Protein backbone atom coordinates (compact mmCIF):
# COMPACT_ATOMS: atom_id res chain seq x y z
CA ILE A 1 92.68 105.08 89.91
CA ASN A 2 89.48 107.13 89.94
CA ALA A 3 90.31 109.67 87.23
CA ILE A 4 92.63 109.83 84.23
CA GLU A 5 93.75 113.11 82.68
CA PHE A 6 94.70 112.81 79.03
CA LEU A 7 97.24 115.13 77.48
CA PRO A 8 95.66 117.08 74.57
CA VAL A 9 93.55 115.09 72.13
CA HIS A 10 92.04 117.97 70.17
CA GLU A 11 93.22 117.81 66.53
CA PHE A 12 96.73 119.25 66.69
CA ASP A 13 99.65 120.33 64.55
CA ASP A 14 101.41 117.17 63.33
CA ASN A 15 102.87 118.34 60.07
CA PRO A 16 104.92 116.71 58.69
CA PRO A 17 103.14 113.45 59.55
CA GLY A 18 104.86 111.41 62.19
CA THR A 19 106.29 114.44 63.99
CA TYR A 20 106.23 113.58 67.69
CA HIS A 21 105.00 115.96 70.35
CA TRP A 22 102.48 115.99 73.15
CA GLY A 23 99.71 117.81 71.29
CA TYR A 24 99.92 121.28 72.82
CA MET A 25 99.43 122.93 69.41
CA SER A 26 95.68 122.53 68.87
CA THR A 27 94.24 123.42 65.47
CA LEU A 28 90.61 122.22 65.66
CA TYR A 29 88.56 122.28 68.85
CA PHE A 30 85.65 119.99 67.97
CA THR A 31 87.39 116.75 66.96
CA PRO A 32 89.80 114.28 68.53
CA GLU A 33 93.28 113.97 67.01
CA SER A 34 92.96 111.93 63.83
CA SER A 35 96.41 110.33 64.00
CA TYR A 36 95.37 108.56 67.22
CA SER A 37 92.70 106.57 65.38
CA THR A 38 92.96 103.37 63.35
CA ASN A 39 91.35 104.94 60.26
CA PRO A 40 91.38 108.76 60.19
CA GLU A 41 89.99 108.97 56.66
CA LYS A 42 86.75 107.37 57.84
CA GLY A 43 86.50 109.53 60.97
CA LYS A 44 87.28 106.67 63.35
CA GLN A 45 88.76 109.17 65.80
CA VAL A 46 85.22 110.15 66.79
CA THR A 47 83.80 106.69 67.47
CA GLU A 48 87.02 105.32 68.96
CA TYR A 49 87.43 108.16 71.42
CA LYS A 50 83.81 107.77 72.51
CA LYS A 51 84.42 104.05 72.99
CA LEU A 52 87.56 104.73 75.03
CA VAL A 53 85.70 107.10 77.35
CA ASN A 54 82.86 104.61 77.70
CA GLU A 55 85.20 101.74 78.58
CA LEU A 56 86.84 103.83 81.30
CA HIS A 57 83.44 104.82 82.68
CA LEU A 58 82.51 101.14 82.92
CA LYS A 59 85.50 100.79 85.26
CA ASN A 60 84.38 103.84 87.31
CA ILE A 61 87.23 105.96 86.02
CA ALA A 62 86.47 109.59 85.18
CA VAL A 63 88.00 111.17 82.08
CA ILE A 64 89.58 114.62 82.16
CA MET A 65 90.82 116.28 78.97
CA ASP A 66 93.80 118.61 78.90
CA VAL A 67 92.64 121.43 76.61
CA VAL A 68 94.70 124.15 74.93
CA TYR A 69 92.68 127.31 74.23
CA ASN A 70 95.40 129.85 75.03
CA HIS A 71 97.13 129.58 71.63
CA THR A 72 96.79 127.69 68.34
CA GLY A 73 99.07 125.60 66.15
CA GLN A 74 99.52 125.20 62.41
CA PRO A 75 97.66 125.38 60.12
CA ASN A 76 96.35 128.48 61.84
CA TYR A 77 92.73 128.50 60.65
CA TYR A 78 91.61 131.32 62.90
CA ARG A 79 94.23 133.63 61.45
CA GLY A 80 92.55 133.07 58.10
CA TYR A 81 89.10 133.81 59.52
CA ASP A 82 89.99 137.06 61.29
CA ASN A 83 93.52 137.54 62.53
CA LYS A 84 92.87 140.78 64.43
CA TYR A 85 89.78 139.36 66.14
CA TYR A 86 91.08 135.99 67.31
CA TYR A 87 94.61 136.97 68.41
CA ARG A 88 96.18 139.47 70.74
CA LEU A 89 98.42 141.69 68.65
CA ASN A 90 100.95 144.37 69.52
CA ASP A 91 101.08 147.87 68.00
CA ASP A 92 102.91 146.52 64.96
CA PHE A 93 100.23 143.82 64.46
CA GLY A 94 102.68 141.13 65.49
CA TYR A 95 101.54 138.33 67.79
CA ILE A 96 101.77 138.80 71.53
CA ASN A 97 103.40 135.60 72.77
CA PHE A 98 103.02 135.01 76.51
CA SER A 99 102.24 131.38 75.70
CA GLY A 100 105.73 130.87 74.33
CA CYS A 101 104.14 129.03 71.40
CA GLY A 102 103.91 131.82 68.83
CA ASN A 103 100.56 133.48 69.58
CA ASP A 104 97.98 134.19 72.28
CA PHE A 105 94.30 133.51 71.55
CA LYS A 106 92.09 136.53 72.24
CA THR A 107 89.69 134.76 74.58
CA GLU A 108 88.05 137.98 75.80
CA ASN A 109 86.30 138.58 72.46
CA TYR A 110 82.73 137.35 72.37
CA MET A 111 83.01 134.86 69.51
CA SER A 112 86.34 133.55 70.80
CA ARG A 113 84.70 132.89 74.15
CA ARG A 114 81.72 131.25 72.45
CA LEU A 115 84.03 129.03 70.40
CA ILE A 116 85.72 127.79 73.57
CA ILE A 117 82.50 127.18 75.49
CA ASP A 118 80.76 125.48 72.55
CA SER A 119 83.78 123.20 72.14
CA LEU A 120 83.68 122.22 75.82
CA LYS A 121 79.94 121.61 75.68
CA HIS A 122 80.45 119.44 72.61
CA PHE A 123 82.79 117.08 74.46
CA VAL A 124 80.63 116.93 77.58
CA ILE A 125 77.41 116.23 75.64
CA HIS A 126 78.67 113.95 72.88
CA TYR A 127 81.68 112.27 74.50
CA HIS A 128 80.54 112.34 78.17
CA ILE A 129 83.80 113.92 79.30
CA ASP A 130 83.88 114.46 83.08
CA GLY A 131 86.15 117.48 83.22
CA PHE A 132 88.93 119.56 81.76
CA ARG A 133 92.41 120.77 82.67
CA PHE A 134 93.21 124.11 81.01
CA ASP A 135 96.74 124.60 79.74
CA LEU A 136 98.21 128.02 80.67
CA ALA A 137 94.81 129.12 82.00
CA GLU A 138 96.25 132.48 83.06
CA LEU A 139 96.05 133.49 79.40
CA ILE A 140 92.29 132.88 79.36
CA ASP A 141 90.52 135.98 80.68
CA LEU A 142 88.75 135.68 84.01
CA GLN A 143 85.28 136.37 82.61
CA THR A 144 85.65 133.49 80.16
CA LEU A 145 86.75 131.14 82.94
CA LEU A 146 83.70 132.07 85.03
CA GLU A 147 81.41 131.68 82.00
CA ILE A 148 82.89 128.23 81.38
CA GLU A 149 82.02 127.24 84.94
CA LYS A 150 78.50 128.65 84.67
CA GLU A 151 77.64 127.06 81.32
CA LEU A 152 79.16 123.62 81.94
CA LYS A 153 77.53 123.25 85.36
CA LYS A 154 74.16 123.66 83.66
CA ILE A 155 74.91 120.47 81.72
CA LYS A 156 76.98 118.60 84.30
CA PRO A 157 76.74 119.97 87.87
CA ASP A 158 79.75 117.93 89.04
CA ILE A 159 82.02 119.02 86.18
CA ILE A 160 85.74 118.92 87.02
CA LEU A 161 87.55 122.18 86.20
CA ILE A 162 91.30 122.45 86.70
CA ALA A 163 93.52 125.39 85.79
CA GLU A 164 97.22 125.46 85.13
CA PRO A 165 97.18 128.88 86.77
CA TRP A 166 100.26 130.47 85.24
CA SER A 167 101.85 131.62 81.99
CA PHE A 168 104.85 133.73 81.04
CA ARG A 169 102.60 136.73 81.78
CA GLY A 170 101.62 136.03 85.39
CA THR A 171 99.49 133.89 87.70
CA LEU A 172 95.84 133.25 88.46
CA LYS A 173 96.48 131.87 91.92
CA GLY A 174 94.01 133.43 94.35
CA LYS A 175 91.78 134.83 91.59
CA LEU A 176 89.52 131.77 91.35
CA LYS A 177 88.65 131.57 95.04
CA ASN A 178 85.17 130.35 95.98
CA THR A 179 84.49 128.90 92.53
CA SER A 180 84.34 125.33 91.23
CA TRP A 181 87.83 125.78 89.78
CA ALA A 182 90.85 123.98 91.21
CA SER A 183 94.42 124.81 90.24
CA TRP A 184 97.69 122.98 89.97
CA ASN A 185 99.68 123.81 93.08
CA ASP A 186 103.33 124.45 92.23
CA ASP A 187 103.87 125.74 95.78
CA PHE A 188 103.06 122.24 97.01
CA ARG A 189 105.31 120.67 94.39
CA ASN A 190 108.30 122.86 95.22
CA LYS A 191 108.01 122.89 99.03
CA VAL A 192 107.52 119.13 99.33
CA LYS A 193 110.43 118.28 97.03
CA ASP A 194 112.67 120.81 98.78
CA PHE A 195 111.79 119.20 102.13
CA ALA A 196 112.53 115.71 100.80
CA LYS A 197 115.92 116.92 99.59
CA GLY A 198 116.66 118.29 103.06
CA ASN A 199 116.42 121.93 102.01
CA ILE A 200 114.37 123.44 104.84
CA SER A 201 114.05 127.15 104.18
CA ASN A 202 110.56 127.97 105.45
CA ILE A 203 108.78 125.35 107.51
CA ASP A 204 105.63 127.50 107.73
CA GLU A 205 105.20 127.37 103.95
CA LEU A 206 105.48 123.57 104.08
CA LYS A 207 102.76 123.54 106.72
CA SER A 208 100.62 125.77 104.50
CA VAL A 209 100.72 123.43 101.51
CA ILE A 210 100.12 120.34 103.65
CA THR A 211 96.94 121.94 105.03
CA GLY A 212 95.48 122.94 101.66
CA SER A 213 97.21 126.26 100.90
CA THR A 214 94.39 128.25 102.52
CA LYS A 215 96.98 130.61 103.98
CA LEU A 216 98.55 131.08 100.55
CA TRP A 217 95.91 131.39 97.82
CA THR A 218 92.95 128.98 98.16
CA ALA A 219 89.59 129.54 99.84
CA ASN A 220 89.46 125.84 100.74
CA PRO A 221 91.70 122.81 100.08
CA MET A 222 89.49 121.52 97.24
CA GLU A 223 90.82 124.39 95.12
CA SER A 224 94.30 122.82 95.22
CA VAL A 225 95.57 120.00 93.00
CA ASN A 226 98.61 118.71 94.86
CA TYR A 227 101.40 117.02 92.96
CA VAL A 228 105.14 116.46 92.88
CA GLU A 229 105.34 115.18 89.29
CA SER A 230 103.47 115.94 86.08
CA HIS A 231 104.20 115.50 82.37
CA ASP A 232 106.25 118.71 82.49
CA ASP A 233 109.88 118.94 83.58
CA ARG A 234 111.79 116.03 85.10
CA THR A 235 110.05 113.05 86.63
CA LEU A 236 110.14 112.95 90.42
CA THR A 237 112.67 110.12 90.26
CA ASP A 238 114.97 112.15 88.02
CA ASP A 239 114.55 115.35 90.02
CA LEU A 240 115.47 113.60 93.28
CA SER A 241 118.53 112.00 91.69
CA THR A 242 121.78 113.24 93.19
CA ARG A 243 123.66 112.48 89.96
CA ASP A 244 124.87 115.38 87.86
CA ASP A 245 122.87 114.11 84.87
CA HIS A 246 119.74 113.40 86.96
CA ASN A 247 119.42 109.95 85.40
CA GLY A 248 116.89 108.32 87.70
CA SER A 249 117.35 104.87 86.19
CA ILE A 250 120.30 104.48 88.58
CA LEU A 251 119.03 104.84 92.16
CA ASN A 252 120.41 104.50 95.65
CA ASP A 253 118.44 103.78 98.83
CA VAL A 254 118.36 107.42 99.94
CA GLU A 255 116.79 108.53 96.64
CA ARG A 256 114.15 105.82 96.98
CA LYS A 257 113.35 106.98 100.51
CA MET A 258 113.08 110.58 99.31
CA ASN A 259 110.50 109.46 96.76
CA ARG A 260 108.46 107.61 99.38
CA LEU A 261 108.67 110.66 101.63
CA CYS A 262 107.18 112.85 98.88
CA ALA A 263 104.42 110.29 98.33
CA THR A 264 103.65 110.19 102.06
CA ILE A 265 103.14 113.94 102.19
CA LEU A 266 101.14 113.95 98.94
CA PHE A 267 98.60 111.40 100.14
CA THR A 268 98.27 112.73 103.70
CA SER A 269 97.78 116.38 102.70
CA ALA A 270 94.54 118.32 102.28
CA GLY A 271 93.53 118.93 98.68
CA MET A 272 93.32 116.67 95.62
CA PRO A 273 96.36 114.44 95.01
CA MET A 274 97.56 113.85 91.47
CA ILE A 275 100.30 111.50 90.33
CA SER A 276 101.86 111.23 86.91
CA GLY A 277 101.55 107.93 85.03
CA GLY A 278 104.46 105.75 86.09
CA GLN A 279 105.40 107.84 89.11
CA GLU A 280 104.40 104.92 91.33
CA ILE A 281 106.98 102.65 89.65
CA LEU A 282 109.73 105.29 89.69
CA ARG A 283 109.44 106.19 86.03
CA THR A 284 112.49 107.92 84.61
CA LYS A 285 113.12 110.02 81.52
CA TYR A 286 116.85 109.49 82.08
CA GLY A 287 117.27 113.12 83.13
CA ASN A 288 115.45 114.74 80.18
CA PRO A 289 113.85 117.94 81.59
CA ASN A 290 111.50 118.63 78.65
CA SER A 291 110.61 115.50 76.72
CA TYR A 292 107.69 116.87 74.67
CA ASN A 293 109.40 115.87 71.40
CA ALA A 294 111.59 113.00 72.61
CA GLY A 295 109.45 110.10 71.41
CA ASP A 296 108.63 106.76 73.00
CA THR A 297 112.21 105.88 73.87
CA ILE A 298 112.09 108.51 76.61
CA ASN A 299 108.38 108.98 77.27
CA SER A 300 106.97 105.46 77.27
CA ILE A 301 106.27 103.70 80.56
CA LYS A 302 108.67 100.80 81.08
CA TRP A 303 106.40 98.18 82.62
CA ASP A 304 109.27 96.07 83.93
CA PHE A 305 109.84 98.91 86.42
CA LYS A 306 106.78 97.63 88.28
CA THR A 307 108.78 94.54 89.25
CA LYS A 308 112.07 96.36 89.56
CA ASN A 309 110.56 98.95 91.92
CA ASN A 310 107.89 96.81 93.56
CA ILE A 311 108.52 98.24 97.03
CA GLU A 312 107.64 101.73 95.86
CA TYR A 313 104.70 100.48 93.80
CA ASN A 314 103.18 98.78 96.84
CA TYR A 315 103.93 101.81 98.99
CA TYR A 316 101.98 104.11 96.65
CA LYS A 317 99.20 101.52 96.47
CA GLY A 318 99.04 101.38 100.25
CA LEU A 319 98.87 105.16 100.58
CA ILE A 320 96.02 105.33 98.05
CA ASN A 321 94.16 102.57 99.90
CA LEU A 322 94.69 104.40 103.19
CA ARG A 323 93.38 107.67 101.81
CA ASN A 324 90.34 105.94 100.29
CA SER A 325 89.54 104.00 103.49
CA SER A 326 87.18 105.17 106.21
CA SER A 327 90.22 105.88 108.37
CA GLY A 328 91.56 108.10 105.62
CA ASP A 329 88.50 110.32 105.53
CA ILE A 330 90.05 112.67 108.08
CA ILE A 331 92.89 113.42 105.62
CA LYS A 332 90.34 115.09 103.34
CA PHE A 333 90.14 118.30 105.35
CA THR A 334 87.96 120.80 103.52
CA GLY A 335 87.74 123.58 106.11
CA THR A 336 89.14 127.07 105.81
CA ASN A 337 90.96 127.26 109.15
CA PRO A 338 93.48 124.47 109.71
CA ASP A 339 94.90 125.85 112.95
CA SER A 340 92.70 123.77 115.24
CA TYR A 341 92.47 120.73 112.94
CA TYR A 342 96.23 120.17 112.81
CA GLN A 343 98.63 119.87 115.73
CA TRP A 344 102.29 120.24 114.75
CA LEU A 345 105.28 118.45 116.23
CA ILE A 346 108.94 119.21 115.72
CA GLY A 347 111.52 116.45 115.92
CA SER A 348 114.97 116.44 117.46
CA ASN A 349 116.62 117.57 114.23
CA ASN A 350 115.63 120.59 112.16
CA LYS A 351 114.70 118.47 109.14
CA SER A 352 111.83 116.63 110.77
CA ILE A 353 108.20 117.51 111.36
CA GLY A 354 105.00 115.77 112.38
CA TYR A 355 101.30 116.53 112.19
CA LEU A 356 98.26 115.18 114.00
CA LEU A 357 95.13 115.28 111.86
CA ASN A 358 91.73 115.94 113.43
CA ALA A 359 93.48 117.13 116.58
CA ASP A 360 90.34 118.99 117.68
CA LYS A 361 88.15 115.92 117.01
CA SER A 362 85.83 118.04 114.90
CA GLN A 363 85.48 115.04 112.54
CA GLY A 364 84.82 112.43 115.22
CA ASN A 365 87.27 110.49 117.36
CA LYS A 366 89.53 109.16 114.61
CA ARG A 367 92.92 110.80 114.38
CA MET A 368 96.07 110.20 112.39
CA LEU A 369 99.66 111.08 113.24
CA VAL A 370 102.19 111.55 110.43
CA LEU A 371 105.91 111.79 111.30
CA LEU A 372 108.45 112.86 108.66
CA ASN A 373 112.22 112.93 108.80
CA ALA A 374 114.04 114.36 105.79
CA ASP A 375 117.50 114.12 107.36
CA HIS A 376 119.48 111.65 105.26
CA LEU A 377 122.10 111.07 107.95
CA GLN A 378 120.42 110.86 111.34
CA ASN A 379 117.23 109.67 112.98
CA SER A 380 114.82 112.04 114.65
CA THR A 381 113.09 111.72 118.00
CA PHE A 382 109.60 113.13 118.64
CA SER A 383 108.13 113.72 122.07
CA ILE A 384 104.51 112.59 121.85
CA SER A 385 101.78 112.32 124.45
CA PHE A 386 99.38 109.60 123.30
CA GLN A 387 96.12 110.25 125.07
CA ASP A 388 92.90 108.30 124.86
CA GLY A 389 92.24 105.63 122.24
CA ASP A 390 94.06 102.68 120.68
CA TRP A 391 96.87 103.69 118.31
CA GLN A 392 97.96 101.50 115.43
CA LEU A 393 101.23 101.77 113.54
CA ILE A 394 100.61 101.83 109.79
């Protein structure tokens, strides 16, 4: 692990006390959530969060905060300050609600923008946070997003900025090209899972996401955060389940292979790979598609799964080691034109594909060949001409 992204830790709506949810209803932007501390009344949330970040830094793990500036929870302090200024309202002065959470914060107003940027600066300066993931970033106006990049890079030039680039209103994909912003790539998520399930509708789109989505909406692969599972929706294990209830706690060999196939593509694709906590041990939410309020029974990581699913755990571990090795450097393609860097191979069935990385040797003599077969019933044969060099089966 080289980076951990925390779900929201800004002070959030937890009234009545003990109400469980993931924290996507922020109320105060300059303090960590008090209920996460051992002694909220004495402000322990401040010192304990700083200590947590420091301990992770000592282990060379970066800390990314998931931040929610697109809407606010209860109590709604900003409504009391100036409702018309801080919120987007319709003609009847009701709240516009493209967030789906009751209101949309009016980020385009000067003091709203300043509030957001000052909050981000606060956590970089005083907590040494390494970066931020912005919930429903499409609802934050483009000028504010660019100002965030400009101001935070003055303090921390290598700041990590990640957008969830959609909302119920639309998408930001393609609008943050040639910036320091990266975005969650749902095209990657959907195409890779469809392939693993054997649903091959557009092989060219699969190729596009494997090579960094530069033919879809990125200027270079580093603008893409590739993933097949996040906190949202079903876990990968549950989604790949062929059961009607999608209960991934009951698996067959094919479903396990589908999971390893998704992992193979994830860690051999251009862009930044992200896994969800527990994905590597086949975490399940027993089919729950939206567990934000389901409590620990559903959401907690069951650590005995590490033993139960040790084959998959070691497979993920091996893929991460491969990508981080010197041989894996060629996976990290950062160019804008993948056509010469990748050579594509088609197998004997229409559910198989292969790709040769560094085919043009632009990154030295090392190359890597990845062969994928998503057909659950039959093997696939590839016709390959191995030329110069010694090839090793991984």
